[in-house]
Amino acid sequence: MKISELAHYRELLESLRPTAVERAIHTEMDDMLETVGRNPSQLPDHLSDLQNARDRALMATKDFDLGLDHMLADLLEQIKALEPQYLAQSYQWYERAMERDTVEYVMQRRFPISDERREYIKSRVMAHCDYHYAGMIIRPGLENWIEHMVACDPLYVVDTNHDMFEPAKEKFNDMYQSRLRYYAIRESDSEPMMQHMPAGQFGFCLAYNFFQYKPFEIMRAYLREIFDRLRPGGVLAMTYNDCDRKGAVELAERSFTCYTPGRLVLAICESIGFVIEQDYRLDAAANWVELRRPGQLVSLRGGQTLAKIVAKSK
């Protein structure tokens, strides 16, 4: 059996939680008991029987919940038994992709999101950008998020190939292009990747539509290095392929993304030291997560002397 089938079954079971039934028991039956208890002609024995019946109904929902928990735990064990194969395949796919995927293909590899969720991401990005702190965007691609990060001073643009920077450059005039700081890095799970970037200086880092295509070993290496480069209180916002859900696993099974279950991704983040502040579903596969380095974000910078930066299209 495929993990996508098991994940789908887990999602179905999760949707069967009897919370609505339990809520109805508390509200409807309690209202009935209160009405019966106020009636002068009440029969005490019958009222007691009704109360006992209500208690048994509540216990039945708890027993149902417990049975679901056992089933979900068994399904998770089946998934875990298959995961080593999926994780290994993801790394093999990643290595092949690094060799064969062209810049043009990588740039066009995007996932659609609704206007509502696009506005949500825009608002979150802008909320974290401040001229008091340096910012970093990893693989800006063809999206417009970099336009909402120009408040960061300075702004670092990071990718694995200098050609990847061109779409981002084209959004700004020559003067602002010269202010952007570009870093092409060589990915590795054993050697430093960001050793030439300042440590403990960044207030915000964005990695949108990037970690969906990275196996755990590479993702872990990035997360550790980004953590070290954030200021205390700094935030990393990123998207990832939540393979605790059917839609995400199906993408991994078709070798379009890597296999990265949310429970493992978030566990890695916490083990590194991040505090998970948001984990928000964007679609059937991708999640948006905001991770904060513990501490208070402070700056001694008094003001910004340069003019406000806008995209050329504004």
Protein backbone atom coordinates (compact mmCIF):
# COMPACT_ATOMS: atom_id res chain seq x y z
CA MET A 1 0.00 0.00 0.00
CA LYS A 2 1.17 3.55 -0.77
CA ILE A 3 1.63 6.16 1.95
CA SER A 4 -0.78 8.43 0.08
CA GLU A 5 -3.55 5.86 0.62
CA LEU A 6 -2.73 5.55 4.32
CA ALA A 7 -2.55 9.33 4.68
CA HIS A 8 -5.93 9.69 3.00
CA TYR A 9 -7.45 7.15 5.38
CA ARG A 10 -5.96 9.03 8.37
CA GLU A 11 -7.50 12.27 7.15
CA LEU A 12 -10.88 10.57 6.82
CA LEU A 13 -10.66 9.18 10.34
CA GLU A 14 -9.62 12.57 11.72
CA SER A 15 -12.76 14.06 10.20
CA LEU A 16 -14.89 11.61 12.21
CA ARG A 17 -14.06 13.19 15.55
CA PRO A 18 -17.38 13.30 17.49
CA THR A 19 -16.89 16.84 18.77
CA ALA A 20 -20.16 18.05 17.23
CA VAL A 21 -22.07 15.19 18.87
CA GLU A 22 -20.45 15.88 22.24
CA ARG A 23 -21.27 19.57 21.90
CA ALA A 24 -24.90 18.73 21.12
CA ILE A 25 -25.10 16.48 24.17
CA HIS A 26 -23.81 19.24 26.40
CA THR A 27 -26.14 21.90 25.01
CA GLU A 28 -29.33 20.12 23.99
CA MET A 29 -29.50 17.52 26.75
CA ASP A 30 -28.42 19.95 29.45
CA ASP A 31 -31.18 22.32 28.34
CA MET A 32 -33.67 19.47 28.54
CA LEU A 33 -32.51 18.46 32.00
CA GLU A 34 -32.72 22.05 33.20
CA THR A 35 -36.31 22.29 31.92
CA VAL A 36 -37.25 19.02 33.57
CA GLY A 37 -35.61 20.09 36.82
CA ARG A 38 -37.62 23.34 36.94
CA ASN A 39 -40.97 21.59 36.48
CA PRO A 40 -42.82 21.32 39.82
CA SER A 41 -44.40 18.06 38.73
CA GLN A 42 -41.04 16.44 38.06
CA LEU A 43 -40.49 12.84 39.06
CA PRO A 44 -37.07 12.68 40.81
CA ASP A 45 -36.39 9.11 39.74
CA HIS A 46 -36.97 9.92 36.09
CA LEU A 47 -34.74 13.03 36.30
CA SER A 48 -31.95 10.88 37.73
CA ASP A 49 -32.43 8.35 34.91
CA LEU A 50 -32.14 11.13 32.34
CA GLN A 51 -28.96 12.47 33.93
CA ASN A 52 -27.44 9.00 33.93
CA ALA A 53 -28.39 8.54 30.27
CA ARG A 54 -26.72 11.87 29.42
CA ASP A 55 -23.55 10.74 31.22
CA ARG A 56 -23.53 7.44 29.34
CA ALA A 57 -23.93 9.28 26.03
CA LEU A 58 -20.92 11.47 26.86
CA MET A 59 -18.89 8.42 27.82
CA ALA A 60 -19.82 6.77 24.52
CA THR A 61 -18.34 9.69 22.57
CA LYS A 62 -15.13 9.43 24.61
CA ASP A 63 -14.96 5.68 23.90
CA PHE A 64 -15.46 6.43 20.20
CA ASP A 65 -12.64 8.99 20.34
CA LEU A 66 -10.36 6.51 22.08
CA GLY A 67 -11.07 3.89 19.41
CA LEU A 68 -10.20 6.43 16.71
CA ASP A 69 -6.95 7.25 18.50
CA HIS A 70 -5.94 3.59 18.43
CA MET A 71 -6.72 3.31 14.72
CA LEU A 72 -4.81 6.51 13.93
CA ALA A 73 -1.82 5.29 15.93
CA ASP A 74 -1.81 1.99 14.03
CA LEU A 75 -1.99 3.82 10.70
CA LEU A 76 0.91 6.06 11.70
CA GLU A 77 3.02 3.00 12.50
CA GLN A 78 2.27 1.60 9.05
CA ILE A 79 3.30 4.91 7.51
CA LYS A 80 6.53 5.02 9.52
CA ALA A 81 7.41 1.52 8.31
CA LEU A 82 7.27 2.76 4.69
CA GLU A 83 8.99 6.11 5.29
CA PRO A 84 12.66 5.06 5.01
CA GLN A 85 12.05 4.04 1.40
CA TYR A 86 10.27 7.33 0.63
CA LEU A 87 13.00 9.41 2.29
CA ALA A 88 15.74 7.60 0.37
CA GLN A 89 13.87 8.04 -2.90
CA SER A 90 13.50 11.75 -2.22
CA TYR A 91 17.25 12.17 -1.83
CA GLN A 92 17.89 10.21 -5.01
CA TRP A 93 15.34 12.34 -6.87
CA TYR A 94 16.96 15.50 -5.50
CA GLU A 95 20.41 14.42 -6.71
CA ARG A 96 19.09 13.67 -10.20
CA ALA A 97 17.17 16.95 -10.28
CA MET A 98 20.29 18.94 -9.36
CA GLU A 99 21.98 17.53 -12.46
CA ARG A 100 19.17 17.71 -15.00
CA ASP A 101 16.80 20.57 -14.09
CA THR A 102 17.42 23.75 -16.07
CA VAL A 103 17.04 27.26 -14.70
CA GLU A 104 13.96 27.74 -16.88
CA TYR A 105 12.31 24.59 -15.54
CA VAL A 106 13.01 25.48 -11.91
CA MET A 107 11.62 28.98 -12.41
CA GLN A 108 8.39 27.67 -13.92
CA ARG A 109 7.92 25.11 -11.12
CA ARG A 110 5.28 26.98 -9.14
CA PHE A 111 2.12 26.03 -7.28
CA PRO A 112 -1.12 28.02 -7.59
CA ILE A 113 -2.69 29.62 -4.53
CA SER A 114 -5.93 31.54 -4.12
CA ASP A 115 -6.07 35.33 -4.02
CA GLU A 116 -7.05 35.13 -0.36
CA ARG A 117 -3.97 33.12 0.57
CA ARG A 118 -1.73 35.28 -1.60
CA GLU A 119 -2.92 38.34 0.32
CA TYR A 120 -2.32 36.48 3.56
CA ILE A 121 1.31 35.76 2.63
CA LYS A 122 1.83 39.33 1.45
CA SER A 123 0.56 40.68 4.78
CA ARG A 124 2.77 38.29 6.74
CA VAL A 125 5.88 39.18 4.72
CA MET A 126 5.30 42.91 5.10
CA ALA A 127 4.69 42.53 8.83
CA HIS A 128 8.17 41.08 9.30
CA CYS A 129 10.13 43.51 7.11
CA ASP A 130 11.76 46.50 8.81
CA TYR A 131 14.58 48.82 7.77
CA HIS A 132 16.19 48.28 11.17
CA TYR A 133 17.19 44.75 10.18
CA ALA A 134 18.74 42.90 7.28
CA GLY A 135 16.50 40.57 5.30
CA MET A 136 17.08 37.46 3.23
CA ILE A 137 15.00 35.90 0.46
CA ILE A 138 15.92 32.44 -0.81
CA ARG A 139 14.98 31.77 -4.44
CA PRO A 140 12.71 34.74 -5.19
CA GLY A 141 11.85 33.10 -8.53
CA LEU A 142 9.00 34.60 -10.53
CA GLU A 143 6.91 35.60 -7.51
CA ASN A 144 6.51 39.19 -6.34
CA TRP A 145 7.39 38.64 -2.67
CA ILE A 146 10.73 40.44 -3.05
CA GLU A 147 8.84 43.64 -3.86
CA HIS A 148 7.35 43.53 -0.36
CA MET A 149 10.75 43.02 1.28
CA VAL A 150 12.49 46.18 0.12
CA ALA A 151 12.08 47.68 3.60
CA CYS A 152 14.79 45.27 4.78
CA ASP A 153 18.16 47.02 4.81
CA PRO A 154 20.22 45.43 3.41
CA LEU A 155 18.39 42.73 1.48
CA TYR A 156 20.24 39.52 0.60
CA VAL A 157 19.11 37.42 -2.36
CA VAL A 158 20.18 33.76 -2.14
CA ASP A 159 20.03 30.93 -4.66
CA THR A 160 22.09 28.09 -6.09
CA ASN A 161 22.79 29.69 -9.48
CA HIS A 162 23.57 33.27 -10.51
CA ASP A 163 21.12 32.96 -13.41
CA MET A 164 18.30 32.51 -10.88
CA PHE A 165 18.72 36.15 -9.82
CA GLU A 166 17.71 37.69 -13.15
CA PRO A 167 13.90 37.81 -12.67
CA ALA A 168 14.38 39.51 -9.29
CA LYS A 169 16.81 42.04 -10.72
CA GLU A 170 14.39 42.98 -13.49
CA LYS A 171 11.82 44.18 -10.96
CA PHE A 172 13.99 47.15 -9.91
CA ASN A 173 15.99 49.96 -11.47
CA ASP A 174 19.77 49.86 -11.76
CA MET A 175 20.32 51.88 -8.60
CA TYR A 176 18.41 49.46 -6.37
CA GLN A 177 19.79 46.42 -8.17
CA SER A 178 23.24 47.55 -7.10
CA ARG A 179 22.10 47.62 -3.46
CA LEU A 180 20.88 44.03 -3.43
CA ARG A 181 23.39 41.52 -2.11
CA TYR A 182 23.48 38.34 -4.15
CA TYR A 183 24.81 35.03 -2.86
CA ALA A 184 24.99 31.91 -5.01
CA ILE A 185 25.61 28.97 -2.68
CA ARG A 186 26.57 25.36 -3.13
CA GLU A 187 24.12 23.05 -1.37
CA SER A 188 25.50 20.46 1.01
CA ASP A 189 24.35 18.52 4.05
CA SER A 190 27.88 18.27 5.44
CA GLU A 191 29.70 21.50 4.46
CA PRO A 192 28.75 25.11 5.35
CA MET A 193 26.63 26.84 2.72
CA MET A 194 26.26 30.37 4.12
CA GLN A 195 29.69 30.87 5.68
CA HIS A 196 30.19 34.17 3.83
CA MET A 197 26.93 35.67 5.15
CA PRO A 198 26.87 37.52 8.50
CA ALA A 199 25.77 35.55 11.55
CA GLY A 200 23.15 36.84 13.97
CA GLN A 201 22.14 39.82 11.78
CA PHE A 202 18.91 38.98 9.94
CA GLY A 203 15.50 40.00 11.18
CA PHE A 204 13.58 38.08 8.54
CA CYS A 205 14.20 35.31 6.03
CA LEU A 206 11.73 34.09 3.40
CA ALA A 207 11.96 30.76 1.56
CA TYR A 208 8.83 30.39 -0.57
CA ASN A 209 8.37 27.37 -2.87
CA PHE A 210 11.90 26.23 -2.09
CA PHE A 211 11.91 23.51 0.55
CA GLN A 212 9.27 21.53 -1.32
CA TYR A 213 12.12 20.27 -3.49
CA LYS A 214 14.68 19.54 -0.77
CA PRO A 215 15.10 16.23 1.10
CA PHE A 216 15.34 16.20 4.89
CA GLU A 217 19.14 16.19 4.99
CA ILE A 218 19.37 19.37 2.90
CA MET A 219 16.41 21.03 4.62
CA ARG A 220 17.96 20.39 8.04
CA ALA A 221 21.27 21.90 6.90
CA TYR A 222 19.53 25.05 5.66
CA LEU A 223 17.45 25.41 8.83
CA ARG A 224 20.52 25.20 11.06
CA GLU A 225 22.41 27.80 9.06
CA ILE A 226 19.45 30.16 8.82
CA PHE A 227 18.90 29.85 12.58
CA ASP A 228 22.51 30.92 13.17
CA ARG A 229 22.12 33.94 10.89
CA LEU A 230 18.90 35.24 12.40
CA ARG A 231 19.02 37.77 15.19
CA PRO A 232 17.39 36.72 18.46
CA GLY A 233 13.71 37.28 17.75
CA GLY A 234 14.24 36.96 13.99
CA VAL A 235 11.78 34.99 11.87
CA LEU A 236 12.08 32.43 9.10
CA ALA A 237 8.91 32.08 7.01
CA MET A 238 8.82 29.20 4.58
CA THR A 239 6.61 26.81 2.68
CA TYR A 240 6.99 23.05 2.73
CA ASN A 241 5.29 19.97 1.36
CA ASP A 242 3.22 18.58 4.26
CA CYS A 243 3.31 14.85 3.54
CA ASP A 244 1.08 14.12 6.52
CA ARG A 245 -1.62 14.83 3.93
CA LYS A 246 -2.66 12.84 0.88
CA GLY A 247 -2.21 15.62 -1.66
CA ALA A 248 1.38 16.26 -0.67
CA VAL A 249 2.34 12.58 -0.59
CA GLU A 250 0.91 12.11 -4.09
CA LEU A 251 3.24 14.85 -5.37
CA ALA A 252 6.20 13.05 -3.79
CA GLU A 253 5.10 9.70 -5.21
CA ARG A 254 5.04 11.27 -8.67
CA SER A 255 8.59 12.62 -8.08
CA PHE A 256 7.47 16.22 -8.29
CA THR A 257 8.41 17.17 -4.71
CA CYS A 258 10.29 15.60 -1.81
CA TYR A 259 8.69 13.53 0.93
CA THR A 260 8.58 15.82 3.98
CA PRO A 261 5.84 15.03 6.54
CA GLY A 262 4.88 18.02 8.66
CA ARG A 263 5.34 16.15 11.95
CA LEU A 264 9.00 15.50 11.02
CA VAL A 265 9.62 18.99 9.59
CA LEU A 266 8.31 20.71 12.72
CA ALA A 267 10.21 18.31 14.98
CA ILE A 268 13.45 19.23 13.18
CA CYS A 269 12.67 22.94 13.58
CA GLU A 270 12.09 22.56 17.31
CA SER A 271 15.23 20.44 17.77
CA ILE A 272 17.29 23.22 16.17
CA GLY A 273 15.79 25.76 18.57
CA PHE A 274 13.04 27.46 16.57
CA VAL A 275 9.72 28.38 18.15
CA ILE A 276 6.83 27.49 15.82
CA GLU A 277 4.50 30.47 15.63
CA GLN A 278 2.29 29.58 12.66
CA ASP A 279 1.59 26.51 10.55
CA TYR A 280 -1.01 27.46 7.97
CA ARG A 281 -2.39 25.37 5.09
CA LEU A 282 -2.07 27.01 1.69
CA ASP A 283 -3.58 24.22 -0.43
CA ALA A 284 -3.95 20.43 -0.49
CA ALA A 285 -0.18 19.98 -0.16
CA ALA A 286 1.73 23.10 0.88
CA ASN A 287 1.93 24.70 4.32
CA TRP A 288 3.19 28.13 5.33
CA VAL A 289 5.15 28.07 8.60
CA GLU A 290 6.69 30.91 10.61
CA LEU A 291 9.61 30.03 12.89
CA ARG A 292 11.12 32.44 15.39
CA ARG A 293 14.57 32.31 16.93
CA PRO A 294 14.01 32.81 20.69
CA GLY A 295 14.84 36.25 22.03
CA GLN A 296 13.88 39.89 21.60
CA LEU A 297 14.39 41.57 18.23
CA VAL A 298 16.26 44.82 18.91
CA SER A 299 18.32 47.29 16.88
CA LEU A 300 20.51 50.30 17.60
CA ARG A 301 19.84 51.75 14.14
CA GLY A 302 18.17 55.13 14.49
CA GLY A 303 16.89 55.83 11.00
CA GLN A 304 17.15 55.08 7.31
CA THR A 305 18.68 57.80 5.18
CA LEU A 306 17.79 56.38 1.77
CA ALA A 307 14.55 56.97 -0.09
CA LYS A 308 11.74 54.44 -0.13
CA ILE A 309 12.22 51.72 -2.74
CA VAL A 310 9.43 50.69 -5.11
CA ALA A 311 9.27 48.22 -7.98
CA LYS A 312 9.63 49.61 -11.52
CA SER A 313 6.00 48.81 -12.28
CA LYS A 314 4.72 51.08 -9.47
